PDB file of all heavy atoms in Angstrom:
ATOM      1  N   TRP A   1     -21.586  -3.247   6.558  1.00  0.00           N
ATOM      2  CA  TRP A   1     -22.117  -1.889   6.517  1.00  0.00           C
ATOM      3  C   TRP A   1     -22.243  -1.342   5.094  1.00  0.00           C
ATOM      4  O   TRP A   1     -22.585  -0.175   4.928  1.00  0.00           O
ATOM      5  CB  TRP A   1     -21.256  -0.967   7.369  1.00  0.00           C
ATOM      6  CG  TRP A   1     -21.437  -1.315   8.831  1.00  0.00           C
ATOM      7  CD1 TRP A   1     -20.618  -2.087   9.600  1.00  0.00           C
ATOM      8  CD2 TRP A   1     -22.515  -0.930   9.670  1.00  0.00           C
ATOM      9  NE1 TRP A   1     -21.121  -2.222  10.869  1.00  0.00           N
ATOM     10  CE2 TRP A   1     -22.292  -1.500  10.938  1.00  0.00           C
ATOM     11  CE3 TRP A   1     -23.648  -0.140   9.481  1.00  0.00           C
ATOM     12  CZ2 TRP A   1     -23.159  -1.327  12.008  1.00  0.00           C
ATOM     13  CZ3 TRP A   1     -24.510   0.036  10.562  1.00  0.00           C
ATOM     14  CH2 TRP A   1     -24.263  -0.560  11.802  1.00  0.00           C
ATOM     15  N   GLU A   2     -21.972  -2.163   4.100  1.00  0.00           N
ATOM     16  CA  GLU A   2     -22.061  -1.711   2.709  1.00  0.00           C
ATOM     17  C   GLU A   2     -23.469  -1.191   2.403  1.00  0.00           C
ATOM     18  O   GLU A   2     -24.458  -1.901   2.641  1.00  0.00           O
ATOM     19  CB  GLU A   2     -21.688  -2.850   1.759  1.00  0.00           C
ATOM     20  CG  GLU A   2     -21.562  -2.403   0.323  1.00  0.00           C
ATOM     21  CD  GLU A   2     -21.009  -3.499  -0.582  1.00  0.00           C
ATOM     22  OE1 GLU A   2     -20.724  -4.599  -0.084  1.00  0.00           O
ATOM     23  OE2 GLU A   2     -20.874  -3.233  -1.768  1.00  0.00           O
ATOM     24  N   GLY A   3     -23.553   0.027   1.898  1.00  0.00           N
ATOM     25  CA  GLY A   3     -24.840   0.619   1.522  1.00  0.00           C
ATOM     26  C   GLY A   3     -25.663   1.149   2.694  1.00  0.00           C
ATOM     27  O   GLY A   3     -26.721   1.726   2.494  1.00  0.00           O
ATOM     28  N   ARG A   4     -25.180   0.960   3.897  1.00  0.00           N
ATOM     29  CA  ARG A   4     -25.947   1.403   5.079  1.00  0.00           C
ATOM     30  C   ARG A   4     -25.484   2.748   5.616  1.00  0.00           C
ATOM     31  O   ARG A   4     -26.150   3.328   6.484  1.00  0.00           O
ATOM     32  CB  ARG A   4     -25.805   0.400   6.221  1.00  0.00           C
ATOM     33  CG  ARG A   4     -26.458  -0.928   5.981  1.00  0.00           C
ATOM     34  CD  ARG A   4     -26.283  -1.694   7.241  1.00  0.00           C
ATOM     35  NE  ARG A   4     -26.861  -3.020   7.219  1.00  0.00           N
ATOM     36  CZ  ARG A   4     -26.844  -3.793   8.257  1.00  0.00           C
ATOM     37  NH1 ARG A   4     -26.316  -3.403   9.389  1.00  0.00           N
ATOM     38  NH2 ARG A   4     -27.390  -4.995   8.180  1.00  0.00           N
ATOM     39  N   THR A   5     -24.373   3.217   5.167  1.00  0.00           N
ATOM     40  CA  THR A   5     -23.805   4.445   5.704  1.00  0.00           C
ATOM     41  C   THR A   5     -23.137   5.220   4.581  1.00  0.00           C
ATOM     42  O   THR A   5     -22.726   4.634   3.560  1.00  0.00           O
ATOM     43  CB  THR A   5     -22.801   4.141   6.848  1.00  0.00           C
ATOM     44  OG1 THR A   5     -22.305   5.341   7.386  1.00  0.00           O
ATOM     45  CG2 THR A   5     -21.655   3.287   6.361  1.00  0.00           C
ATOM     46  N   ALA A   6     -23.022   6.540   4.741  1.00  0.00           N
ATOM     47  CA  ALA A   6     -22.423   7.386   3.708  1.00  0.00           C
ATOM     48  C   ALA A   6     -20.940   7.059   3.523  1.00  0.00           C
ATOM     49  O   ALA A   6     -20.433   7.069   2.422  1.00  0.00           O
ATOM     50  CB  ALA A   6     -22.615   8.852   4.066  1.00  0.00           C
ATOM     51  N   ARG A   7     -20.263   6.786   4.630  1.00  0.00           N
ATOM     52  CA  ARG A   7     -18.832   6.475   4.581  1.00  0.00           C
ATOM     53  C   ARG A   7     -18.600   5.152   5.302  1.00  0.00           C
ATOM     54  O   ARG A   7     -18.885   5.045   6.478  1.00  0.00           O
ATOM     55  CB  ARG A   7     -17.990   7.578   5.215  1.00  0.00           C
ATOM     56  CG  ARG A   7     -18.100   8.886   4.455  1.00  0.00           C
ATOM     57  CD  ARG A   7     -17.257   9.966   5.081  1.00  0.00           C
ATOM     58  NE  ARG A   7     -15.857   9.681   4.737  1.00  0.00           N
ATOM     59  CZ  ARG A   7     -14.844  10.188   5.420  1.00  0.00           C
ATOM     60  NH1 ARG A   7     -15.027  10.971   6.464  1.00  0.00           N
ATOM     61  NH2 ARG A   7     -13.608   9.914   5.047  1.00  0.00           N
ATOM     62  N   ASN A   8     -18.061   4.189   4.610  1.00  0.00           N
ATOM     63  CA  ASN A   8     -17.797   2.879   5.188  1.00  0.00           C
ATOM     64  C   ASN A   8     -16.297   2.697   5.191  1.00  0.00           C
ATOM     65  O   ASN A   8     -15.700   2.231   4.215  1.00  0.00           O
ATOM     66  CB  ASN A   8     -18.506   1.797   4.350  1.00  0.00           C
ATOM     67  CG  ASN A   8     -18.461   0.451   5.038  1.00  0.00           C
ATOM     68  OD1 ASN A   8     -17.996   0.308   6.154  1.00  0.00           O
ATOM     69  ND2 ASN A   8     -18.932  -0.572   4.331  1.00  0.00           N
ATOM     70  N   LEU A   9     -15.657   3.100   6.267  1.00  0.00           N
ATOM     71  CA  LEU A   9     -14.199   3.168   6.333  1.00  0.00           C
ATOM     72  C   LEU A   9     -13.591   1.891   6.915  1.00  0.00           C
ATOM     73  O   LEU A   9     -14.187   1.217   7.758  1.00  0.00           O
ATOM     74  CB  LEU A   9     -13.768   4.374   7.142  1.00  0.00           C
ATOM     75  CG  LEU A   9     -14.291   5.724   6.624  1.00  0.00           C
ATOM     76  CD1 LEU A   9     -13.843   6.836   7.559  1.00  0.00           C
ATOM     77  CD2 LEU A   9     -13.856   5.984   5.200  1.00  0.00           C
ATOM     78  N   GLY A  10     -12.364   1.628   6.507  1.00  0.00           N
ATOM     79  CA  GLY A  10     -11.605   0.529   7.067  1.00  0.00           C
ATOM     80  C   GLY A  10     -10.731   1.024   8.217  1.00  0.00           C
ATOM     81  O   GLY A  10     -10.897   2.138   8.721  1.00  0.00           O
ATOM     82  N   VAL A  11      -9.785   0.215   8.586  1.00  0.00           N
ATOM     83  CA  VAL A  11      -8.897   0.512   9.714  1.00  0.00           C
ATOM     84  C   VAL A  11      -8.159   1.823   9.503  1.00  0.00           C
ATOM     85  O   VAL A  11      -8.046   2.636  10.423  1.00  0.00           O
ATOM     86  CB  VAL A  11      -7.889  -0.639   9.915  1.00  0.00           C
ATOM     87  CG1 VAL A  11      -6.876  -0.294  10.989  1.00  0.00           C
ATOM     88  CG2 VAL A  11      -8.602  -1.932  10.245  1.00  0.00           C
ATOM     89  N   PHE A  12      -7.682   2.045   8.311  1.00  0.00           N
ATOM     90  CA  PHE A  12      -6.920   3.261   7.996  1.00  0.00           C
ATOM     91  C   PHE A  12      -7.728   4.224   7.130  1.00  0.00           C
ATOM     92  O   PHE A  12      -7.174   4.902   6.271  1.00  0.00           O
ATOM     93  CB  PHE A  12      -5.592   2.905   7.336  1.00  0.00           C
ATOM     94  CG  PHE A  12      -4.629   2.219   8.275  1.00  0.00           C
ATOM     95  CD1 PHE A  12      -4.480   0.837   8.263  1.00  0.00           C
ATOM     96  CD2 PHE A  12      -3.895   2.938   9.193  1.00  0.00           C
ATOM     97  CE1 PHE A  12      -3.608   0.197   9.126  1.00  0.00           C
ATOM     98  CE2 PHE A  12      -3.032   2.318  10.069  1.00  0.00           C
ATOM     99  CZ  PHE A  12      -2.884   0.938  10.024  1.00  0.00           C
ATOM    100  N   GLY A  13      -9.023   4.246   7.312  1.00  0.00           N
ATOM    101  CA  GLY A  13      -9.855   5.157   6.534  1.00  0.00           C
ATOM    102  C   GLY A  13     -10.265   4.544   5.221  1.00  0.00           C
ATOM    103  O   GLY A  13     -10.672   3.398   5.142  1.00  0.00           O
ATOM    104  N   GLU A  14     -10.131   5.343   4.148  1.00  0.00           N
ATOM    105  CA  GLU A  14     -10.565   4.891   2.829  1.00  0.00           C
ATOM    106  C   GLU A  14      -9.626   3.860   2.223  1.00  0.00           C
ATOM    107  O   GLU A  14     -10.014   3.125   1.339  1.00  0.00           O
ATOM    108  CB  GLU A  14     -10.736   6.088   1.894  1.00  0.00           C
ATOM    109  CG  GLU A  14     -11.897   6.980   2.362  1.00  0.00           C
ATOM    110  CD  GLU A  14     -12.110   8.179   1.487  1.00  0.00           C
ATOM    111  OE1 GLU A  14     -11.413   8.332   0.453  1.00  0.00           O
ATOM    112  OE2 GLU A  14     -13.000   8.989   1.818  1.00  0.00           O
ATOM    113  N   ARG A  15      -8.368   3.842   2.674  1.00  0.00           N
ATOM    114  CA  ARG A  15      -7.412   2.847   2.177  1.00  0.00           C
ATOM    115  C   ARG A  15      -7.534   1.600   3.053  1.00  0.00           C
ATOM    116  O   ARG A  15      -7.365   1.675   4.257  1.00  0.00           O
ATOM    117  CB  ARG A  15      -5.989   3.395   2.246  1.00  0.00           C
ATOM    118  CG  ARG A  15      -5.759   4.616   1.397  1.00  0.00           C
ATOM    119  CD  ARG A  15      -4.340   5.180   1.539  1.00  0.00           C
ATOM    120  NE  ARG A  15      -4.024   5.394   2.952  1.00  0.00           N
ATOM    121  CZ  ARG A  15      -2.820   5.173   3.475  1.00  0.00           C
ATOM    122  NH1 ARG A  15      -1.811   4.779   2.736  1.00  0.00           N
ATOM    123  NH2 ARG A  15      -2.624   5.387   4.752  1.00  0.00           N
ATOM    124  N   LEU A  16      -7.813   0.489   2.420  1.00  0.00           N
ATOM    125  CA  LEU A  16      -7.950  -0.765   3.182  1.00  0.00           C
ATOM    126  C   LEU A  16      -6.599  -1.357   3.496  1.00  0.00           C
ATOM    127  O   LEU A  16      -5.587  -1.013   2.875  1.00  0.00           O
ATOM    128  CB  LEU A  16      -8.829  -1.737   2.398  1.00  0.00           C
ATOM    129  CG  LEU A  16     -10.265  -1.252   2.121  1.00  0.00           C
ATOM    130  CD1 LEU A  16     -11.054  -2.314   1.345  1.00  0.00           C
ATOM    131  CD2 LEU A  16     -10.984  -0.843   3.393  1.00  0.00           C
ATOM    132  N   LEU A  17      -6.577  -2.269   4.443  1.00  0.00           N
ATOM    133  CA  LEU A  17      -5.306  -2.862   4.920  1.00  0.00           C
ATOM    134  C   LEU A  17      -4.402  -3.380   3.808  1.00  0.00           C
ATOM    135  O   LEU A  17      -3.199  -3.096   3.838  1.00  0.00           O
ATOM    136  CB  LEU A  17      -5.583  -3.962   5.935  1.00  0.00           C
ATOM    137  CG  LEU A  17      -5.864  -3.488   7.360  1.00  0.00           C
ATOM    138  CD1 LEU A  17      -6.429  -4.611   8.195  1.00  0.00           C
ATOM    139  CD2 LEU A  17      -4.603  -2.934   7.981  1.00  0.00           C
ATOM    140  N   PRO A  18      -4.899  -4.150   2.825  1.00  0.00           N
ATOM    141  CA  PRO A  18      -3.997  -4.633   1.786  1.00  0.00           C
ATOM    142  C   PRO A  18      -3.324  -3.491   1.009  1.00  0.00           C
ATOM    143  O   PRO A  18      -2.127  -3.600   0.673  1.00  0.00           O
ATOM    144  CB  PRO A  18      -4.901  -5.459   0.860  1.00  0.00           C
ATOM    145  CG  PRO A  18      -6.004  -5.917   1.770  1.00  0.00           C
ATOM    146  CD  PRO A  18      -6.240  -4.760   2.707  1.00  0.00           C
ATOM    147  N   GLN A  19      -4.028  -2.416   0.786  1.00  0.00           N
ATOM    148  CA  GLN A  19      -3.451  -1.268   0.092  1.00  0.00           C
ATOM    149  C   GLN A  19      -2.407  -0.570   0.956  1.00  0.00           C
ATOM    150  O   GLN A  19      -1.317  -0.228   0.484  1.00  0.00           O
ATOM    151  CB  GLN A  19      -4.544  -0.261  -0.298  1.00  0.00           C
ATOM    152  CG  GLN A  19      -4.006   0.946  -1.020  1.00  0.00           C
ATOM    153  CD  GLN A  19      -5.066   1.997  -1.301  1.00  0.00           C
ATOM    154  OE1 GLN A  19      -6.258   1.771  -1.061  1.00  0.00           O
ATOM    155  NE2 GLN A  19      -4.632   3.139  -1.805  1.00  0.00           N
ATOM    156  N   VAL A  20      -2.728  -0.375   2.219  1.00  0.00           N
ATOM    157  CA  VAL A  20      -1.778   0.243   3.130  1.00  0.00           C
ATOM    158  C   VAL A  20      -0.517  -0.603   3.249  1.00  0.00           C
ATOM    159  O   VAL A  20       0.605  -0.095   3.232  1.00  0.00           O
ATOM    160  CB  VAL A  20      -2.407   0.503   4.512  1.00  0.00           C
ATOM    161  CG1 VAL A  20      -1.393   1.061   5.502  1.00  0.00           C
ATOM    162  CG2 VAL A  20      -3.603   1.443   4.373  1.00  0.00           C
ATOM    163  N   LEU A  21      -0.683  -1.921   3.337  1.00  0.00           N
ATOM    164  CA  LEU A  21       0.473  -2.820   3.415  1.00  0.00           C
ATOM    165  C   LEU A  21       1.294  -2.716   2.141  1.00  0.00           C
ATOM    166  O   LEU A  21       2.521  -2.661   2.220  1.00  0.00           O
ATOM    167  CB  LEU A  21       0.042  -4.265   3.639  1.00  0.00           C
ATOM    168  CG  LEU A  21       1.186  -5.261   3.640  1.00  0.00           C
ATOM    169  CD1 LEU A  21       2.154  -5.020   4.788  1.00  0.00           C
ATOM    170  CD2 LEU A  21       0.668  -6.685   3.662  1.00  0.00           C
ATOM    171  N   ALA A  22       0.658  -2.692   0.964  1.00  0.00           N
ATOM    172  CA  ALA A  22       1.393  -2.622  -0.308  1.00  0.00           C
ATOM    173  C   ALA A  22       2.237  -1.347  -0.326  1.00  0.00           C
ATOM    174  O   ALA A  22       3.409  -1.363  -0.753  1.00  0.00           O
ATOM    175  CB  ALA A  22       0.439  -2.661  -1.478  1.00  0.00           C
ATOM    176  N   GLU A  23       1.659  -0.239   0.118  1.00  0.00           N
ATOM    177  CA  GLU A  23       2.403   1.034   0.160  1.00  0.00           C
ATOM    178  C   GLU A  23       3.576   0.937   1.155  1.00  0.00           C
ATOM    179  O   GLU A  23       4.678   1.437   0.878  1.00  0.00           O
ATOM    180  CB  GLU A  23       1.479   2.162   0.524  1.00  0.00           C
ATOM    181  CG  GLU A  23       0.417   2.440  -0.555  1.00  0.00           C
ATOM    182  CD  GLU A  23      -0.687   3.360  -0.092  1.00  0.00           C
ATOM    183  OE1 GLU A  23      -0.634   3.882   1.058  1.00  0.00           O
ATOM    184  OE2 GLU A  23      -1.627   3.561  -0.871  1.00  0.00           O
ATOM    185  N   ALA A  24       3.316   0.327   2.297  1.00  0.00           N
ATOM    186  CA  ALA A  24       4.365   0.189   3.321  1.00  0.00           C
ATOM    187  C   ALA A  24       5.485  -0.722   2.822  1.00  0.00           C
ATOM    188  O   ALA A  24       6.675  -0.444   3.048  1.00  0.00           O
ATOM    189  CB  ALA A  24       3.763  -0.348   4.609  1.00  0.00           C
ATOM    190  N   LEU A  25       5.122  -1.806   2.137  1.00  0.00           N
ATOM    191  CA  LEU A  25       6.140  -2.713   1.606  1.00  0.00           C
ATOM    192  C   LEU A  25       6.992  -2.029   0.534  1.00  0.00           C
ATOM    193  O   LEU A  25       8.199  -2.299   0.441  1.00  0.00           O
ATOM    194  CB  LEU A  25       5.499  -3.986   1.056  1.00  0.00           C
ATOM    195  CG  LEU A  25       4.978  -4.973   2.100  1.00  0.00           C
ATOM    196  CD1 LEU A  25       4.152  -6.077   1.434  1.00  0.00           C
ATOM    197  CD2 LEU A  25       6.111  -5.562   2.920  1.00  0.00           C
ATOM    198  N   ALA A  26       6.365  -1.178  -0.253  1.00  0.00           N
ATOM    199  CA  ALA A  26       7.109  -0.434  -1.272  1.00  0.00           C
ATOM    200  C   ALA A  26       8.157   0.468  -0.621  1.00  0.00           C
ATOM    201  O   ALA A  26       9.258   0.652  -1.168  1.00  0.00           O
ATOM    202  CB  ALA A  26       6.165   0.380  -2.151  1.00  0.00           C
ATOM    203  N   LYS A  27       7.845   1.013   0.530  1.00  0.00           N
ATOM    204  CA  LYS A  27       8.778   1.918   1.227  1.00  0.00           C
ATOM    205  C   LYS A  27       9.763   1.169   2.109  1.00  0.00           C
ATOM    206  O   LYS A  27      10.944   1.528   2.193  1.00  0.00           O
ATOM    207  CB  LYS A  27       8.004   2.912   2.091  1.00  0.00           C
ATOM    208  CG  LYS A  27       7.189   3.912   1.347  1.00  0.00           C
ATOM    209  CD  LYS A  27       6.471   4.808   2.350  1.00  0.00           C
ATOM    210  CE  LYS A  27       5.414   5.658   1.712  1.00  0.00           C
ATOM    211  NZ  LYS A  27       4.636   6.410   2.691  1.00  0.00           N
ATOM    212  N   TYR A  28       9.273   0.159   2.838  1.00  0.00           N
ATOM    213  CA  TYR A  28      10.078  -0.451   3.896  1.00  0.00           C
ATOM    214  C   TYR A  28      10.266  -1.942   3.776  1.00  0.00           C
ATOM    215  O   TYR A  28      10.849  -2.564   4.643  1.00  0.00           O
ATOM    216  CB  TYR A  28       9.429  -0.163   5.266  1.00  0.00           C
ATOM    217  CG  TYR A  28       9.207   1.301   5.505  1.00  0.00           C
ATOM    218  CD1 TYR A  28       7.920   1.848   5.483  1.00  0.00           C
ATOM    219  CD2 TYR A  28      10.259   2.146   5.772  1.00  0.00           C
ATOM    220  CE1 TYR A  28       7.703   3.202   5.674  1.00  0.00           C
ATOM    221  CE2 TYR A  28      10.064   3.507   6.004  1.00  0.00           C
ATOM    222  CZ  TYR A  28       8.784   4.005   5.947  1.00  0.00           C
ATOM    223  OH  TYR A  28       8.576   5.357   6.155  1.00  0.00           O
ATOM    224  N   GLY A  29       9.788  -2.516   2.680  1.00  0.00           N
ATOM    225  CA  GLY A  29       9.865  -3.969   2.525  1.00  0.00           C
ATOM    226  C   GLY A  29      11.263  -4.530   2.450  1.00  0.00           C
ATOM    227  O   GLY A  29      11.489  -5.699   2.703  1.00  0.00           O
ATOM    228  N   ASP A  30      12.237  -3.671   2.118  1.00  0.00           N
ATOM    229  CA  ASP A  30      13.613  -4.154   2.021  1.00  0.00           C
ATOM    230  C   ASP A  30      14.357  -4.055   3.363  1.00  0.00           C
ATOM    231  O   ASP A  30      15.527  -4.420   3.443  1.00  0.00           O
ATOM    232  CB  ASP A  30      14.369  -3.405   0.947  1.00  0.00           C
ATOM    233  CG  ASP A  30      14.458  -1.906   1.193  1.00  0.00           C
ATOM    234  OD1 ASP A  30      13.697  -1.388   2.057  1.00  0.00           O
ATOM    235  OD2 ASP A  30      15.282  -1.239   0.543  1.00  0.00           O
ATOM    236  N   MET A  31      13.677  -3.594   4.413  1.00  0.00           N
ATOM    237  CA  MET A  31      14.345  -3.558   5.725  1.00  0.00           C
ATOM    238  C   MET A  31      14.620  -4.963   6.181  1.00  0.00           C
ATOM    239  O   MET A  31      13.794  -5.875   5.975  1.00  0.00           O
ATOM    240  CB  MET A  31      13.469  -2.832   6.755  1.00  0.00           C
ATOM    241  CG  MET A  31      13.393  -1.333   6.572  1.00  0.00           C
ATOM    242  SD  MET A  31      12.338  -0.535   7.811  1.00  0.00           S
ATOM    243  CE  MET A  31      13.321  -0.708   9.301  1.00  0.00           C
ATOM    244  N   SER A  32      15.730  -5.160   6.829  1.00  0.00           N
ATOM    245  CA  SER A  32      16.065  -6.490   7.371  1.00  0.00           C
ATOM    246  C   SER A  32      15.191  -6.809   8.556  1.00  0.00           C
ATOM    247  O   SER A  32      14.604  -5.904   9.177  1.00  0.00           O
ATOM    248  CB  SER A  32      17.539  -6.528   7.787  1.00  0.00           C
ATOM    249  OG  SER A  32      17.738  -5.693   8.937  1.00  0.00           O
ATOM    250  N   ASP A  33      15.111  -8.087   8.886  1.00  0.00           N
ATOM    251  CA  ASP A  33      14.364  -8.487  10.073  1.00  0.00           C
ATOM    252  C   ASP A  33      14.919  -7.779  11.311  1.00  0.00           C
ATOM    253  O   ASP A  33      14.166  -7.310  12.162  1.00  0.00           O
ATOM    254  CB  ASP A  33      14.469 -10.004  10.281  1.00  0.00           C
ATOM    255  CG  ASP A  33      13.650 -10.814   9.281  1.00  0.00           C
ATOM    256  OD1 ASP A  33      12.912 -10.196   8.459  1.00  0.00           O
ATOM    257  OD2 ASP A  33      13.752 -12.037   9.310  1.00  0.00           O
ATOM    258  N   LYS A  34      16.234  -7.690  11.378  1.00  0.00           N
ATOM    259  CA  LYS A  34      16.856  -7.039  12.518  1.00  0.00           C
ATOM    260  C   LYS A  34      16.460  -5.566  12.621  1.00  0.00           C
ATOM    261  O   LYS A  34      16.128  -5.080  13.702  1.00  0.00           O
ATOM    262  CB  LYS A  34      18.398  -7.169  12.436  1.00  0.00           C
ATOM    263  CG  LYS A  34      19.111  -6.567  13.611  1.00  0.00           C
ATOM    264  CD  LYS A  34      20.603  -6.711  13.505  1.00  0.00           C
ATOM    265  CE  LYS A  34      21.255  -6.081  14.711  1.00  0.00           C
ATOM    266  NZ  LYS A  34      22.691  -5.963  14.591  1.00  0.00           N
ATOM    267  N   ALA A  35      16.488  -4.858  11.496  1.00  0.00           N
ATOM    268  CA  ALA A  35      16.122  -3.446  11.493  1.00  0.00           C
ATOM    269  C   ALA A  35      14.643  -3.255  11.882  1.00  0.00           C
ATOM    270  O   ALA A  35      14.324  -2.334  12.637  1.00  0.00           O
ATOM    271  CB  ALA A  35      16.417  -2.821  10.144  1.00  0.00           C
TER     272      ALA A  35
END
C-alpha cells in the first residue's frame, strides 16, 4: 500500500512491530519466563 493511501499503518498504527517490540523489551525484557 506504499504511496496508495494517505496513511499506511502497521499493526500498532504508525509504530511498526519491531519498534513496538523494542520498546516492550526495554520495559519488560528482564521478566523471567515464569513471570
